[in-house]
Amino acid sequence: MIYVYAITDRVDLDGASGLEDAPLELVEQGGIVGVFSTHDQLEVKSEPDQLWGHEGVIDHLLERAAVLPLRFGTVLRDSEALRKVLDEDGARFRLLLSRVRGC
């Protein structure tokens, strides 16, 4: 399963890691990028370590690009499921990114 943190249109991960120190990964579709980490098993709980871990990834991305943060606990089956979401909602994501860019 993958844990999805955010959608953006440009990414510099610069050594950042996700929940449980998992490496951050990217999937690009139509000029937008989903940022996620892969986990064999991850029990998502609203506990401080996980909440701050999610927030840390978002903060890292916000310093570098326009970002659409996703809700804490967003999981998908795999990167192809994320690619499908980016493909289906790409126009809306591009519009939203243009609205938050520079804020």
C-alpha atoms as a PDB file:
ATOM      1  CA  MET A   1       0.000   0.000   0.000  1.00  0.00           C
ATOM      2  CA  ILE A   2       1.071   3.593  -0.422  1.00  0.00           C
ATOM      3  CA  TYR A   3       0.582   6.527   1.912  1.00  0.00           C
ATOM      4  CA  VAL A   4      -0.010   9.732  -0.091  1.00  0.00           C
ATOM      5  CA  TYR A   5       1.075  13.091   1.335  1.00  0.00           C
ATOM      6  CA  ALA A   6       0.479  15.680  -1.343  1.00  0.00           C
ATOM      7  CA  ILE A   7       0.096  16.698  -4.949  1.00  0.00           C
ATOM      8  CA  THR A   8       2.404  19.244  -6.502  1.00  0.00           C
ATOM      9  CA  ASP A   9       3.738  20.229  -9.893  1.00  0.00           C
ATOM     10  CA  ARG A  10       7.441  20.161  -9.091  1.00  0.00           C
ATOM     11  CA  VAL A  11       9.399  18.383  -6.463  1.00  0.00           C
ATOM     12  CA  ASP A  12      12.780  18.479  -4.792  1.00  0.00           C
ATOM     13  CA  LEU A  13      12.719  15.782  -2.131  1.00  0.00           C
ATOM     14  CA  ASP A  14      16.249  16.642  -0.994  1.00  0.00           C
ATOM     15  CA  GLY A  15      16.607  13.650   1.310  1.00  0.00           C
ATOM     16  CA  ALA A  16      13.241  13.928   3.069  1.00  0.00           C
ATOM     17  CA  SER A  17      11.560  10.763   4.315  1.00  0.00           C
ATOM     18  CA  GLY A  18       8.001   9.838   5.156  1.00  0.00           C
ATOM     19  CA  LEU A  19       6.224   7.895   7.873  1.00  0.00           C
ATOM     20  CA  GLU A  20       8.357   5.256   9.577  1.00  0.00           C
ATOM     21  CA  ASP A  21      11.355   6.858   7.789  1.00  0.00           C
ATOM     22  CA  ALA A  22      10.212   5.340   4.490  1.00  0.00           C
ATOM     23  CA  PRO A  23      11.754   6.992   1.421  1.00  0.00           C
ATOM     24  CA  LEU A  24       9.520   9.420  -0.405  1.00  0.00           C
ATOM     25  CA  GLU A  25       8.597   8.450  -3.934  1.00  0.00           C
ATOM     26  CA  LEU A  26       6.980  10.270  -6.837  1.00  0.00           C
ATOM     27  CA  VAL A  27       4.541   9.451  -9.569  1.00  0.00           C
ATOM     28  CA  GLU A  28       4.060  11.966 -12.382  1.00  0.00           C
ATOM     29  CA  GLN A  29       1.073  12.164 -14.675  1.00  0.00           C
ATOM     30  CA  GLY A  30       0.284  15.031 -17.020  1.00  0.00           C
ATOM     31  CA  GLY A  31       2.604  17.552 -15.390  1.00  0.00           C
ATOM     32  CA  ILE A  32       1.497  16.959 -11.812  1.00  0.00           C
ATOM     33  CA  VAL A  33       3.188  14.832  -9.181  1.00  0.00           C
ATOM     34  CA  GLY A  34       1.924  12.701  -6.323  1.00  0.00           C
ATOM     35  CA  VAL A  35       4.274  12.317  -3.356  1.00  0.00           C
ATOM     36  CA  PHE A  36       3.988   9.065  -1.408  1.00  0.00           C
ATOM     37  CA  SER A  37       5.787   6.391   0.581  1.00  0.00           C
ATOM     38  CA  THR A  38       5.403   2.630   0.197  1.00  0.00           C
ATOM     39  CA  HIS A  39       4.603   0.390   3.177  1.00  0.00           C
ATOM     40  CA  ASP A  40       4.095  -3.353   3.516  1.00  0.00           C
ATOM     41  CA  GLN A  41       1.929  -2.626   6.519  1.00  0.00           C
ATOM     42  CA  LEU A  42       1.082   0.679   8.107  1.00  0.00           C
ATOM     43  CA  GLU A  43      -1.435   1.156  10.839  1.00  0.00           C
ATOM     44  CA  VAL A  44      -2.536   4.746  10.435  1.00  0.00           C
ATOM     45  CA  LYS A  45      -3.330   6.239  13.835  1.00  0.00           C
ATOM     46  CA  SER A  46      -3.926   9.819  14.880  1.00  0.00           C
ATOM     47  CA  GLU A  47      -0.939   9.720  17.177  1.00  0.00           C
ATOM     48  CA  PRO A  48       1.621  12.520  17.485  1.00  0.00           C
ATOM     49  CA  ASP A  49       4.484  10.706  15.722  1.00  0.00           C
ATOM     50  CA  GLN A  50       2.401   9.993  12.622  1.00  0.00           C
ATOM     51  CA  LEU A  51       0.668  13.371  12.598  1.00  0.00           C
ATOM     52  CA  TRP A  52       3.998  15.217  12.875  1.00  0.00           C
ATOM     53  CA  GLY A  53       5.564  12.905  10.290  1.00  0.00           C
ATOM     54  CA  HIS A  54       2.813  13.749   7.800  1.00  0.00           C
ATOM     55  CA  GLU A  55       3.117  17.451   8.612  1.00  0.00           C
ATOM     56  CA  GLY A  56       6.905  17.327   8.219  1.00  0.00           C
ATOM     57  CA  VAL A  57       6.621  16.062   4.658  1.00  0.00           C
ATOM     58  CA  ILE A  58       4.065  18.752   3.814  1.00  0.00           C
ATOM     59  CA  ASP A  59       6.266  21.480   5.341  1.00  0.00           C
ATOM     60  CA  HIS A  60       9.284  20.205   3.388  1.00  0.00           C
ATOM     61  CA  LEU A  61       7.330  20.362   0.124  1.00  0.00           C
ATOM     62  CA  LEU A  62       5.819  23.786   0.887  1.00  0.00           C
ATOM     63  CA  GLU A  63       9.306  25.283   1.126  1.00  0.00           C
ATOM     64  CA  ARG A  64       9.963  24.229  -2.469  1.00  0.00           C
ATOM     65  CA  ALA A  65       6.763  24.347  -4.524  1.00  0.00           C
ATOM     66  CA  ALA A  66       3.027  24.888  -4.733  1.00  0.00           C
ATOM     67  CA  VAL A  67       1.421  22.025  -2.823  1.00  0.00           C
ATOM     68  CA  LEU A  68      -2.008  20.512  -2.346  1.00  0.00           C
ATOM     69  CA  PRO A  69      -1.658  18.674   0.979  1.00  0.00           C
ATOM     70  CA  LEU A  70      -3.755  15.564   1.300  1.00  0.00           C
ATOM     71  CA  ARG A  71      -5.683  14.607   4.384  1.00  0.00           C
ATOM     72  CA  PHE A  72      -3.828  12.656   7.040  1.00  0.00           C
ATOM     73  CA  GLY A  73      -4.374   8.949   6.496  1.00  0.00           C
ATOM     74  CA  THR A  74      -4.774   8.972   2.705  1.00  0.00           C
ATOM     75  CA  VAL A  75      -3.784   5.519   1.463  1.00  0.00           C
ATOM     76  CA  LEU A  76      -4.099   3.832  -1.914  1.00  0.00           C
ATOM     77  CA  ARG A  77      -3.428   0.323  -3.171  1.00  0.00           C
ATOM     78  CA  ASP A  78      -0.332   1.232  -5.240  1.00  0.00           C
ATOM     79  CA  SER A  79       1.329   3.893  -7.387  1.00  0.00           C
ATOM     80  CA  GLU A  80      -0.833   2.966 -10.385  1.00  0.00           C
ATOM     81  CA  ALA A  81      -3.940   3.859  -8.374  1.00  0.00           C
ATOM     82  CA  LEU A  82      -2.357   7.240  -7.645  1.00  0.00           C
ATOM     83  CA  ARG A  83      -1.467   7.686 -11.323  1.00  0.00           C
ATOM     84  CA  LYS A  84      -5.132   7.051 -12.183  1.00  0.00           C
ATOM     85  CA  VAL A  85      -6.289   9.706  -9.683  1.00  0.00           C
ATOM     86  CA  LEU A  86      -3.801  12.205 -11.130  1.00  0.00           C
ATOM     87  CA  ASP A  87      -4.988  11.412 -14.641  1.00  0.00           C
ATOM     88  CA  GLU A  88      -8.701  11.648 -13.848  1.00  0.00           C
ATOM     89  CA  ASP A  89      -8.491  14.834 -11.742  1.00  0.00           C
ATOM     90  CA  GLY A  90      -5.431  16.427 -13.348  1.00  0.00           C
ATOM     91  CA  ALA A  91      -7.219  19.492 -14.736  1.00  0.00           C
ATOM     92  CA  ARG A  92      -8.701  20.304 -11.323  1.00  0.00           C
ATOM     93  CA  PHE A  93      -5.352  19.757  -9.573  1.00  0.00           C
ATOM     94  CA  ARG A  94      -3.544  22.044 -12.052  1.00  0.00           C
ATOM     95  CA  LEU A  95      -6.146  24.772 -11.454  1.00  0.00           C
ATOM     96  CA  LEU A  96      -5.847  24.449  -7.677  1.00  0.00           C
ATOM     97  CA  LEU A  97      -2.041  24.508  -7.850  1.00  0.00           C
ATOM     98  CA  SER A  98      -2.185  27.716  -9.888  1.00  0.00           C
ATOM     99  CA  ARG A  99      -4.342  29.271  -7.145  1.00  0.00           C
ATOM    100  CA  VAL A 100      -1.976  28.422  -4.278  1.00  0.00           C
ATOM    101  CA  ARG A 101       1.321  29.054  -6.082  1.00  0.00           C
ATOM    102  CA  GLY A 102       3.240  31.825  -4.327  1.00  0.00           C
ATOM    103  CA  CYS A 103       1.023  31.886  -1.237  1.00  0.00           C
END
